[in-house]
Amino acid sequence: MNDKAQNPVKSVLFVCNQNAVRSPMAEALAKRHSKRRFFVESAGLIAGALDPFSVAAMAEENIDLSAHKSLTLADIDLTLFDAVIALTVESRDYLAKQKLKSADSLEYWATPDPSDAEGHRSQIMESYRLVRDHLECRIADRFPL
């Protein structure tokens, strides 16, 4: 367990490039994990269309992402979040130059883009499941209840 896991947070923001795959998945998983004990939001550097494979992968865990609306960082006040978790190199680099609540509130969780997967539907779905499961483990480790 890292030192950050010892400090309880009241608000978490997950950020990826388009708020269409990784950050919506992380947001939904964190909401379920926390049982709404802390505020969770997600955003992207730009707005993208929700990825149907993300919706399908989350539906396997009984989480409905279908109503997710993509937000951008322009829609968010970064100073309100105790933890800002970048899931991509691009979002990490952008956030490192922004005003955050504190100097140590930015974290980087390298998360592959499952939309880069190739092959037939089951192979692509497996990429999304791996990302979903990776995020779920990271969330549980970082935010113990």
N, C-alpha and C. Protein backbone atom coordinates (compact mmCIF):
# COMPACT_ATOMS: atom_id res chain seq x y z
N MET A 1 0.85 -1.17 0.00
CA MET A 1 0.00 0.00 0.00
C MET A 1 0.90 1.24 0.00
N ASN A 2 0.60 2.20 -0.88
CA ASN A 2 1.42 3.39 -0.94
C ASN A 2 0.94 4.42 0.08
N ASP A 3 1.74 5.48 0.27
CA ASP A 3 1.40 6.51 1.24
C ASP A 3 0.09 7.20 0.90
N LYS A 4 -0.19 7.37 -0.38
CA LYS A 4 -1.41 8.06 -0.78
C LYS A 4 -2.65 7.30 -0.35
N ALA A 5 -2.55 5.99 -0.27
CA ALA A 5 -3.70 5.19 0.14
C ALA A 5 -4.06 5.48 1.60
N GLN A 6 -3.10 6.01 2.38
CA GLN A 6 -3.36 6.33 3.78
C GLN A 6 -4.17 7.62 3.94
N ASN A 7 -4.11 8.50 2.93
CA ASN A 7 -4.80 9.79 3.00
C ASN A 7 -6.16 9.68 2.33
N PRO A 8 -7.24 9.77 3.10
CA PRO A 8 -8.56 9.66 2.47
C PRO A 8 -8.84 10.86 1.57
N VAL A 9 -9.53 10.59 0.49
CA VAL A 9 -9.88 11.65 -0.45
C VAL A 9 -11.39 11.83 -0.44
N LYS A 10 -11.82 13.02 -0.78
CA LYS A 10 -13.25 13.31 -0.87
C LYS A 10 -13.69 13.50 -2.31
N SER A 11 -12.70 13.66 -3.22
CA SER A 11 -13.03 13.88 -4.63
C SER A 11 -11.91 13.38 -5.52
N VAL A 12 -12.30 12.70 -6.60
CA VAL A 12 -11.35 12.09 -7.53
C VAL A 12 -11.79 12.42 -8.96
N LEU A 13 -10.82 12.79 -9.78
CA LEU A 13 -11.06 13.03 -11.20
C LEU A 13 -10.16 12.10 -12.01
N PHE A 14 -10.77 11.34 -12.93
CA PHE A 14 -10.02 10.51 -13.86
C PHE A 14 -10.00 11.22 -15.21
N VAL A 15 -8.81 11.28 -15.83
CA VAL A 15 -8.67 12.00 -17.09
C VAL A 15 -7.96 11.13 -18.12
N CYS A 16 -8.55 11.09 -19.33
CA CYS A 16 -7.90 10.46 -20.47
C CYS A 16 -8.00 11.42 -21.64
N ASN A 17 -7.80 10.95 -22.84
CA ASN A 17 -7.75 11.86 -23.99
C ASN A 17 -9.11 12.37 -24.43
N GLN A 18 -10.13 11.47 -24.49
CA GLN A 18 -11.42 11.87 -25.04
C GLN A 18 -12.61 11.61 -24.13
N ASN A 19 -12.38 11.11 -22.93
CA ASN A 19 -13.47 10.77 -22.00
C ASN A 19 -14.48 9.85 -22.69
N ALA A 20 -13.94 8.87 -23.41
CA ALA A 20 -14.78 7.98 -24.19
C ALA A 20 -14.54 6.49 -23.88
N VAL A 21 -13.40 6.17 -23.28
CA VAL A 21 -13.07 4.76 -23.01
C VAL A 21 -12.58 4.59 -21.57
N ARG A 22 -11.35 4.97 -21.32
CA ARG A 22 -10.70 4.69 -20.04
C ARG A 22 -11.27 5.47 -18.86
N SER A 23 -11.38 6.78 -19.00
CA SER A 23 -11.85 7.56 -17.84
C SER A 23 -13.31 7.30 -17.48
N PRO A 24 -14.21 7.09 -18.45
CA PRO A 24 -15.58 6.73 -18.03
C PRO A 24 -15.63 5.37 -17.31
N MET A 25 -14.80 4.43 -17.77
CA MET A 25 -14.74 3.14 -17.10
C MET A 25 -14.24 3.31 -15.67
N ALA A 26 -13.16 4.09 -15.51
CA ALA A 26 -12.60 4.32 -14.18
C ALA A 26 -13.59 5.03 -13.27
N GLU A 27 -14.28 6.03 -13.81
CA GLU A 27 -15.29 6.75 -13.03
C GLU A 27 -16.35 5.79 -12.51
N ALA A 28 -16.90 4.98 -13.39
CA ALA A 28 -17.98 4.06 -13.00
C ALA A 28 -17.49 3.03 -11.99
N LEU A 29 -16.29 2.51 -12.19
CA LEU A 29 -15.73 1.53 -11.26
C LEU A 29 -15.47 2.16 -9.89
N ALA A 30 -14.96 3.39 -9.88
CA ALA A 30 -14.68 4.06 -8.61
C ALA A 30 -15.97 4.39 -7.87
N LYS A 31 -17.00 4.77 -8.59
CA LYS A 31 -18.29 5.03 -7.95
C LYS A 31 -18.83 3.76 -7.30
N ARG A 32 -18.72 2.65 -8.01
CA ARG A 32 -19.20 1.39 -7.44
C ARG A 32 -18.35 0.99 -6.24
N HIS A 33 -17.04 1.10 -6.38
CA HIS A 33 -16.13 0.70 -5.30
C HIS A 33 -16.35 1.54 -4.04
N SER A 34 -16.49 2.84 -4.22
CA SER A 34 -16.57 3.75 -3.08
C SER A 34 -17.95 3.77 -2.44
N LYS A 35 -18.92 3.18 -3.13
CA LYS A 35 -20.31 3.24 -2.65
C LYS A 35 -20.69 4.69 -2.37
N ARG A 36 -20.17 5.56 -3.24
CA ARG A 36 -20.44 7.01 -3.21
C ARG A 36 -19.95 7.69 -1.93
N ARG A 37 -18.89 7.15 -1.31
CA ARG A 37 -18.30 7.78 -0.13
C ARG A 37 -17.44 8.97 -0.49
N PHE A 38 -17.06 9.06 -1.76
CA PHE A 38 -16.36 10.25 -2.25
C PHE A 38 -16.87 10.57 -3.65
N PHE A 39 -16.70 11.83 -4.05
CA PHE A 39 -17.17 12.30 -5.34
C PHE A 39 -16.21 11.85 -6.43
N VAL A 40 -16.75 11.34 -7.52
CA VAL A 40 -15.94 10.86 -8.64
C VAL A 40 -16.47 11.47 -9.93
N GLU A 41 -15.54 11.94 -10.76
CA GLU A 41 -15.88 12.53 -12.06
C GLU A 41 -14.83 12.08 -13.06
N SER A 42 -15.12 12.25 -14.34
CA SER A 42 -14.13 11.97 -15.37
C SER A 42 -14.23 13.02 -16.46
N ALA A 43 -13.12 13.20 -17.17
CA ALA A 43 -13.06 14.18 -18.25
C ALA A 43 -11.97 13.77 -19.23
N GLY A 44 -11.98 14.43 -20.38
CA GLY A 44 -10.96 14.20 -21.39
C GLY A 44 -10.32 15.51 -21.81
N LEU A 45 -9.23 15.41 -22.52
CA LEU A 45 -8.61 16.60 -23.08
C LEU A 45 -9.54 17.22 -24.12
N ILE A 46 -10.20 16.34 -24.87
CA ILE A 46 -11.25 16.75 -25.81
C ILE A 46 -12.44 15.81 -25.61
N ALA A 47 -13.58 16.17 -26.13
CA ALA A 47 -14.77 15.31 -26.02
C ALA A 47 -14.78 14.29 -27.14
N GLY A 48 -15.05 13.05 -26.79
CA GLY A 48 -15.17 11.99 -27.79
C GLY A 48 -16.49 11.27 -27.62
N ALA A 49 -16.84 10.48 -28.60
CA ALA A 49 -18.06 9.67 -28.54
C ALA A 49 -17.81 8.44 -27.68
N LEU A 50 -18.76 8.13 -26.81
CA LEU A 50 -18.64 6.96 -25.96
C LEU A 50 -18.43 5.71 -26.80
N ASP A 51 -17.45 4.93 -26.42
CA ASP A 51 -17.07 3.73 -27.16
C ASP A 51 -18.01 2.57 -26.81
N PRO A 52 -18.65 1.96 -27.81
CA PRO A 52 -19.59 0.87 -27.52
C PRO A 52 -18.93 -0.36 -26.89
N PHE A 53 -17.66 -0.58 -27.15
CA PHE A 53 -16.98 -1.71 -26.49
C PHE A 53 -16.81 -1.43 -25.00
N SER A 54 -16.60 -0.18 -24.63
CA SER A 54 -16.54 0.18 -23.21
C SER A 54 -17.87 -0.12 -22.54
N VAL A 55 -18.94 0.28 -23.20
CA VAL A 55 -20.29 0.02 -22.68
C VAL A 55 -20.48 -1.48 -22.49
N ALA A 56 -20.09 -2.28 -23.47
CA ALA A 56 -20.26 -3.73 -23.40
C ALA A 56 -19.41 -4.35 -22.29
N ALA A 57 -18.17 -3.90 -22.17
CA ALA A 57 -17.28 -4.46 -21.13
C ALA A 57 -17.81 -4.13 -19.73
N MET A 58 -18.33 -2.94 -19.55
CA MET A 58 -18.86 -2.55 -18.25
C MET A 58 -20.19 -3.25 -17.97
N ALA A 59 -20.99 -3.49 -19.01
CA ALA A 59 -22.26 -4.20 -18.84
C ALA A 59 -22.02 -5.61 -18.29
N GLU A 60 -20.89 -6.21 -18.65
CA GLU A 60 -20.54 -7.52 -18.11
C GLU A 60 -20.39 -7.49 -16.59
N GLU A 61 -20.10 -6.31 -16.05
CA GLU A 61 -19.97 -6.13 -14.60
C GLU A 61 -21.21 -5.46 -14.00
N ASN A 62 -22.30 -5.47 -14.76
CA ASN A 62 -23.56 -4.87 -14.33
C ASN A 62 -23.44 -3.37 -14.06
N ILE A 63 -22.65 -2.70 -14.87
CA ILE A 63 -22.51 -1.24 -14.81
C ILE A 63 -22.97 -0.70 -16.16
N ASP A 64 -23.93 0.21 -16.12
CA ASP A 64 -24.47 0.80 -17.34
C ASP A 64 -23.79 2.13 -17.64
N LEU A 65 -22.99 2.16 -18.69
CA LEU A 65 -22.30 3.38 -19.12
C LEU A 65 -23.06 4.12 -20.22
N SER A 66 -24.15 3.57 -20.68
CA SER A 66 -24.79 4.08 -21.89
C SER A 66 -25.23 5.54 -21.81
N ALA A 67 -25.46 6.06 -20.62
CA ALA A 67 -25.90 7.45 -20.48
C ALA A 67 -24.73 8.42 -20.27
N HIS A 68 -23.50 7.92 -20.30
CA HIS A 68 -22.33 8.78 -20.06
C HIS A 68 -22.24 9.88 -21.11
N LYS A 69 -22.04 11.10 -20.64
CA LYS A 69 -21.82 12.25 -21.52
C LYS A 69 -20.39 12.72 -21.33
N SER A 70 -19.67 12.82 -22.42
CA SER A 70 -18.26 13.19 -22.40
C SER A 70 -18.07 14.63 -21.92
N LEU A 71 -17.18 14.81 -20.95
CA LEU A 71 -16.79 16.13 -20.47
C LEU A 71 -15.34 16.40 -20.87
N THR A 72 -15.01 17.66 -20.98
CA THR A 72 -13.61 18.03 -21.21
C THR A 72 -13.10 18.75 -19.96
N LEU A 73 -11.80 18.94 -19.91
CA LEU A 73 -11.22 19.65 -18.77
C LEU A 73 -11.71 21.09 -18.69
N ALA A 74 -12.19 21.64 -19.79
CA ALA A 74 -12.76 22.99 -19.77
C ALA A 74 -14.04 23.03 -18.94
N ASP A 75 -14.68 21.86 -18.75
CA ASP A 75 -15.92 21.76 -17.97
C ASP A 75 -15.66 21.56 -16.47
N ILE A 76 -14.40 21.43 -16.09
CA ILE A 76 -14.03 20.98 -14.74
C ILE A 76 -13.18 22.02 -14.03
N ASP A 77 -13.42 22.22 -12.74
CA ASP A 77 -12.53 23.03 -11.89
C ASP A 77 -11.56 22.07 -11.22
N LEU A 78 -10.35 22.02 -11.73
CA LEU A 78 -9.35 21.05 -11.25
C LEU A 78 -8.98 21.27 -9.79
N THR A 79 -9.15 22.48 -9.28
CA THR A 79 -8.76 22.77 -7.90
C THR A 79 -9.71 22.15 -6.88
N LEU A 80 -10.81 21.57 -7.33
CA LEU A 80 -11.77 20.96 -6.41
C LEU A 80 -11.45 19.51 -6.08
N PHE A 81 -10.48 18.91 -6.77
CA PHE A 81 -10.24 17.47 -6.62
C PHE A 81 -9.00 17.17 -5.78
N ASP A 82 -9.20 16.28 -4.81
CA ASP A 82 -8.08 15.83 -3.96
C ASP A 82 -7.11 14.96 -4.74
N ALA A 83 -7.63 14.19 -5.67
CA ALA A 83 -6.81 13.31 -6.51
C ALA A 83 -7.24 13.49 -7.96
N VAL A 84 -6.26 13.76 -8.82
CA VAL A 84 -6.48 13.85 -10.26
C VAL A 84 -5.62 12.77 -10.88
N ILE A 85 -6.27 11.80 -11.50
CA ILE A 85 -5.55 10.63 -12.01
C ILE A 85 -5.56 10.65 -13.53
N ALA A 86 -4.38 10.85 -14.09
CA ALA A 86 -4.19 10.83 -15.54
C ALA A 86 -4.00 9.39 -15.98
N LEU A 87 -4.74 8.99 -17.00
CA LEU A 87 -4.66 7.62 -17.50
C LEU A 87 -3.88 7.52 -18.80
N THR A 88 -3.47 8.66 -19.35
CA THR A 88 -2.69 8.69 -20.59
C THR A 88 -1.51 9.63 -20.42
N VAL A 89 -0.49 9.43 -21.21
CA VAL A 89 0.68 10.32 -21.19
C VAL A 89 0.27 11.74 -21.54
N GLU A 90 -0.60 11.87 -22.54
CA GLU A 90 -1.02 13.20 -22.99
C GLU A 90 -1.76 13.95 -21.88
N SER A 91 -2.64 13.26 -21.18
CA SER A 91 -3.38 13.93 -20.10
C SER A 91 -2.44 14.24 -18.93
N ARG A 92 -1.50 13.36 -18.64
CA ARG A 92 -0.53 13.62 -17.58
C ARG A 92 0.28 14.87 -17.89
N ASP A 93 0.77 14.96 -19.12
CA ASP A 93 1.60 16.11 -19.51
C ASP A 93 0.80 17.41 -19.46
N TYR A 94 -0.44 17.37 -19.89
CA TYR A 94 -1.29 18.56 -19.85
C TYR A 94 -1.57 18.97 -18.39
N LEU A 95 -1.96 18.00 -17.58
CA LEU A 95 -2.32 18.29 -16.19
C LEU A 95 -1.13 18.77 -15.37
N ALA A 96 0.06 18.33 -15.72
CA ALA A 96 1.25 18.76 -14.98
C ALA A 96 1.47 20.26 -15.08
N LYS A 97 0.88 20.90 -16.08
CA LYS A 97 1.04 22.35 -16.28
C LYS A 97 -0.14 23.15 -15.73
N GLN A 98 -1.13 22.46 -15.13
CA GLN A 98 -2.34 23.13 -14.66
C GLN A 98 -2.30 23.37 -13.16
N LYS A 99 -3.13 24.29 -12.72
CA LYS A 99 -3.28 24.57 -11.29
C LYS A 99 -4.20 23.50 -10.69
N LEU A 100 -3.66 22.74 -9.75
CA LEU A 100 -4.41 21.69 -9.08
C LEU A 100 -4.57 22.06 -7.61
N LYS A 101 -5.35 21.29 -6.89
CA LYS A 101 -5.60 21.57 -5.48
C LYS A 101 -4.30 21.58 -4.68
N SER A 102 -3.42 20.63 -4.98
CA SER A 102 -2.12 20.58 -4.33
C SER A 102 -1.10 19.98 -5.29
N ALA A 103 0.15 20.19 -4.99
CA ALA A 103 1.22 19.73 -5.87
C ALA A 103 1.25 18.21 -6.02
N ASP A 104 0.81 17.51 -4.99
CA ASP A 104 0.87 16.04 -5.05
C ASP A 104 -0.47 15.40 -5.40
N SER A 105 -1.44 16.18 -5.86
CA SER A 105 -2.74 15.58 -6.18
C SER A 105 -2.74 14.85 -7.52
N LEU A 106 -1.76 15.14 -8.40
CA LEU A 106 -1.71 14.49 -9.70
C LEU A 106 -1.02 13.13 -9.60
N GLU A 107 -1.70 12.12 -10.13
CA GLU A 107 -1.14 10.76 -10.22
C GLU A 107 -1.24 10.32 -11.67
N TYR A 108 -0.32 9.43 -12.06
CA TYR A 108 -0.34 8.89 -13.42
C TYR A 108 -0.45 7.38 -13.34
N TRP A 109 -1.52 6.84 -13.92
CA TRP A 109 -1.71 5.40 -14.03
C TRP A 109 -1.65 5.05 -15.51
N ALA A 110 -0.52 4.57 -15.98
CA ALA A 110 -0.39 4.20 -17.40
C ALA A 110 -1.44 3.14 -17.73
N THR A 111 -2.31 3.47 -18.68
CA THR A 111 -3.42 2.59 -19.03
C THR A 111 -3.49 2.47 -20.54
N PRO A 112 -3.27 1.27 -21.08
CA PRO A 112 -3.29 1.12 -22.53
C PRO A 112 -4.67 1.46 -23.12
N ASP A 113 -4.67 1.84 -24.37
CA ASP A 113 -5.91 2.18 -25.07
C ASP A 113 -6.46 0.91 -25.72
N PRO A 114 -7.55 0.36 -25.18
CA PRO A 114 -8.08 -0.89 -25.76
C PRO A 114 -8.66 -0.68 -27.16
N SER A 115 -8.95 0.56 -27.53
CA SER A 115 -9.49 0.79 -28.87
C SER A 115 -8.44 0.58 -29.95
N ASP A 116 -7.18 0.42 -29.55
CA ASP A 116 -6.12 0.09 -30.51
C ASP A 116 -6.10 -1.40 -30.86
N ALA A 117 -6.89 -2.20 -30.15
CA ALA A 117 -6.89 -3.64 -30.36
C ALA A 117 -7.40 -3.98 -31.76
N GLU A 118 -6.85 -5.04 -32.30
CA GLU A 118 -7.26 -5.53 -33.62
C GLU A 118 -7.70 -6.98 -33.50
N GLY A 119 -8.43 -7.45 -34.51
CA GLY A 119 -8.87 -8.83 -34.52
C GLY A 119 -10.38 -8.90 -34.56
N HIS A 120 -10.89 -10.08 -34.24
CA HIS A 120 -12.34 -10.24 -34.24
C HIS A 120 -12.92 -9.73 -32.92
N ARG A 121 -14.24 -9.66 -32.86
CA ARG A 121 -14.91 -9.01 -31.73
C ARG A 121 -14.45 -9.55 -30.38
N SER A 122 -14.30 -10.85 -30.24
CA SER A 122 -13.92 -11.41 -28.93
C SER A 122 -12.50 -11.00 -28.54
N GLN A 123 -11.61 -10.85 -29.51
CA GLN A 123 -10.25 -10.39 -29.20
C GLN A 123 -10.26 -8.92 -28.76
N ILE A 124 -11.06 -8.13 -29.43
CA ILE A 124 -11.17 -6.72 -29.06
C ILE A 124 -11.80 -6.59 -27.67
N MET A 125 -12.85 -7.34 -27.42
CA MET A 125 -13.50 -7.30 -26.11
C MET A 125 -12.53 -7.69 -25.00
N GLU A 126 -11.66 -8.64 -25.28
CA GLU A 126 -10.69 -9.05 -24.27
C GLU A 126 -9.77 -7.89 -23.88
N SER A 127 -9.41 -7.04 -24.84
CA SER A 127 -8.59 -5.86 -24.54
C SER A 127 -9.32 -4.91 -23.60
N TYR A 128 -10.60 -4.73 -23.83
CA TYR A 128 -11.41 -3.85 -22.97
C TYR A 128 -11.58 -4.46 -21.57
N ARG A 129 -11.75 -5.76 -21.51
CA ARG A 129 -11.86 -6.42 -20.20
C ARG A 129 -10.57 -6.28 -19.40
N LEU A 130 -9.44 -6.41 -20.07
CA LEU A 130 -8.16 -6.27 -19.38
C LEU A 130 -7.99 -4.87 -18.80
N VAL A 131 -8.36 -3.86 -19.56
CA VAL A 131 -8.28 -2.49 -19.07
C VAL A 131 -9.25 -2.29 -17.91
N ARG A 132 -10.47 -2.77 -18.07
CA ARG A 132 -11.47 -2.67 -16.99
C ARG A 132 -10.95 -3.31 -15.71
N ASP A 133 -10.43 -4.51 -15.81
CA ASP A 133 -9.96 -5.24 -14.64
C ASP A 133 -8.73 -4.58 -14.03
N HIS A 134 -7.85 -4.06 -14.86
CA HIS A 134 -6.67 -3.33 -14.39
C HIS A 134 -7.10 -2.10 -13.59
N LEU A 135 -8.05 -1.34 -14.14
CA LEU A 135 -8.53 -0.15 -13.44
C LEU A 135 -9.21 -0.52 -12.12
N GLU A 136 -9.98 -1.58 -12.13
CA GLU A 136 -10.67 -1.99 -10.91
C GLU A 136 -9.67 -2.33 -9.81
N CYS A 137 -8.59 -3.02 -10.15
CA CYS A 137 -7.55 -3.36 -9.16
C CYS A 137 -6.83 -2.10 -8.65
N ARG A 138 -6.48 -1.20 -9.56
CA ARG A 138 -5.81 0.04 -9.18
C ARG A 138 -6.69 0.87 -8.24
N ILE A 139 -7.97 0.95 -8.56
CA ILE A 139 -8.91 1.72 -7.72
C ILE A 139 -9.01 1.11 -6.33
N ALA A 140 -9.16 -0.21 -6.26
CA ALA A 140 -9.28 -0.87 -4.96
C ALA A 140 -8.01 -0.69 -4.12
N ASP A 141 -6.84 -0.73 -4.78
CA ASP A 141 -5.58 -0.53 -4.06
C ASP A 141 -5.41 0.91 -3.59
N ARG A 142 -5.77 1.85 -4.44
CA ARG A 142 -5.56 3.26 -4.13
C ARG A 142 -6.56 3.82 -3.14
N PHE A 143 -7.78 3.32 -3.19
CA PHE A 143 -8.87 3.85 -2.36
C PHE A 143 -9.46 2.76 -1.47
N PRO A 144 -8.69 2.28 -0.49
CA PRO A 144 -9.21 1.24 0.39
C PRO A 144 -10.36 1.79 1.23
N LEU A 145 -11.33 0.94 1.45
CA LEU A 145 -12.50 1.36 2.25
C LEU A 145 -12.44 0.82 3.65
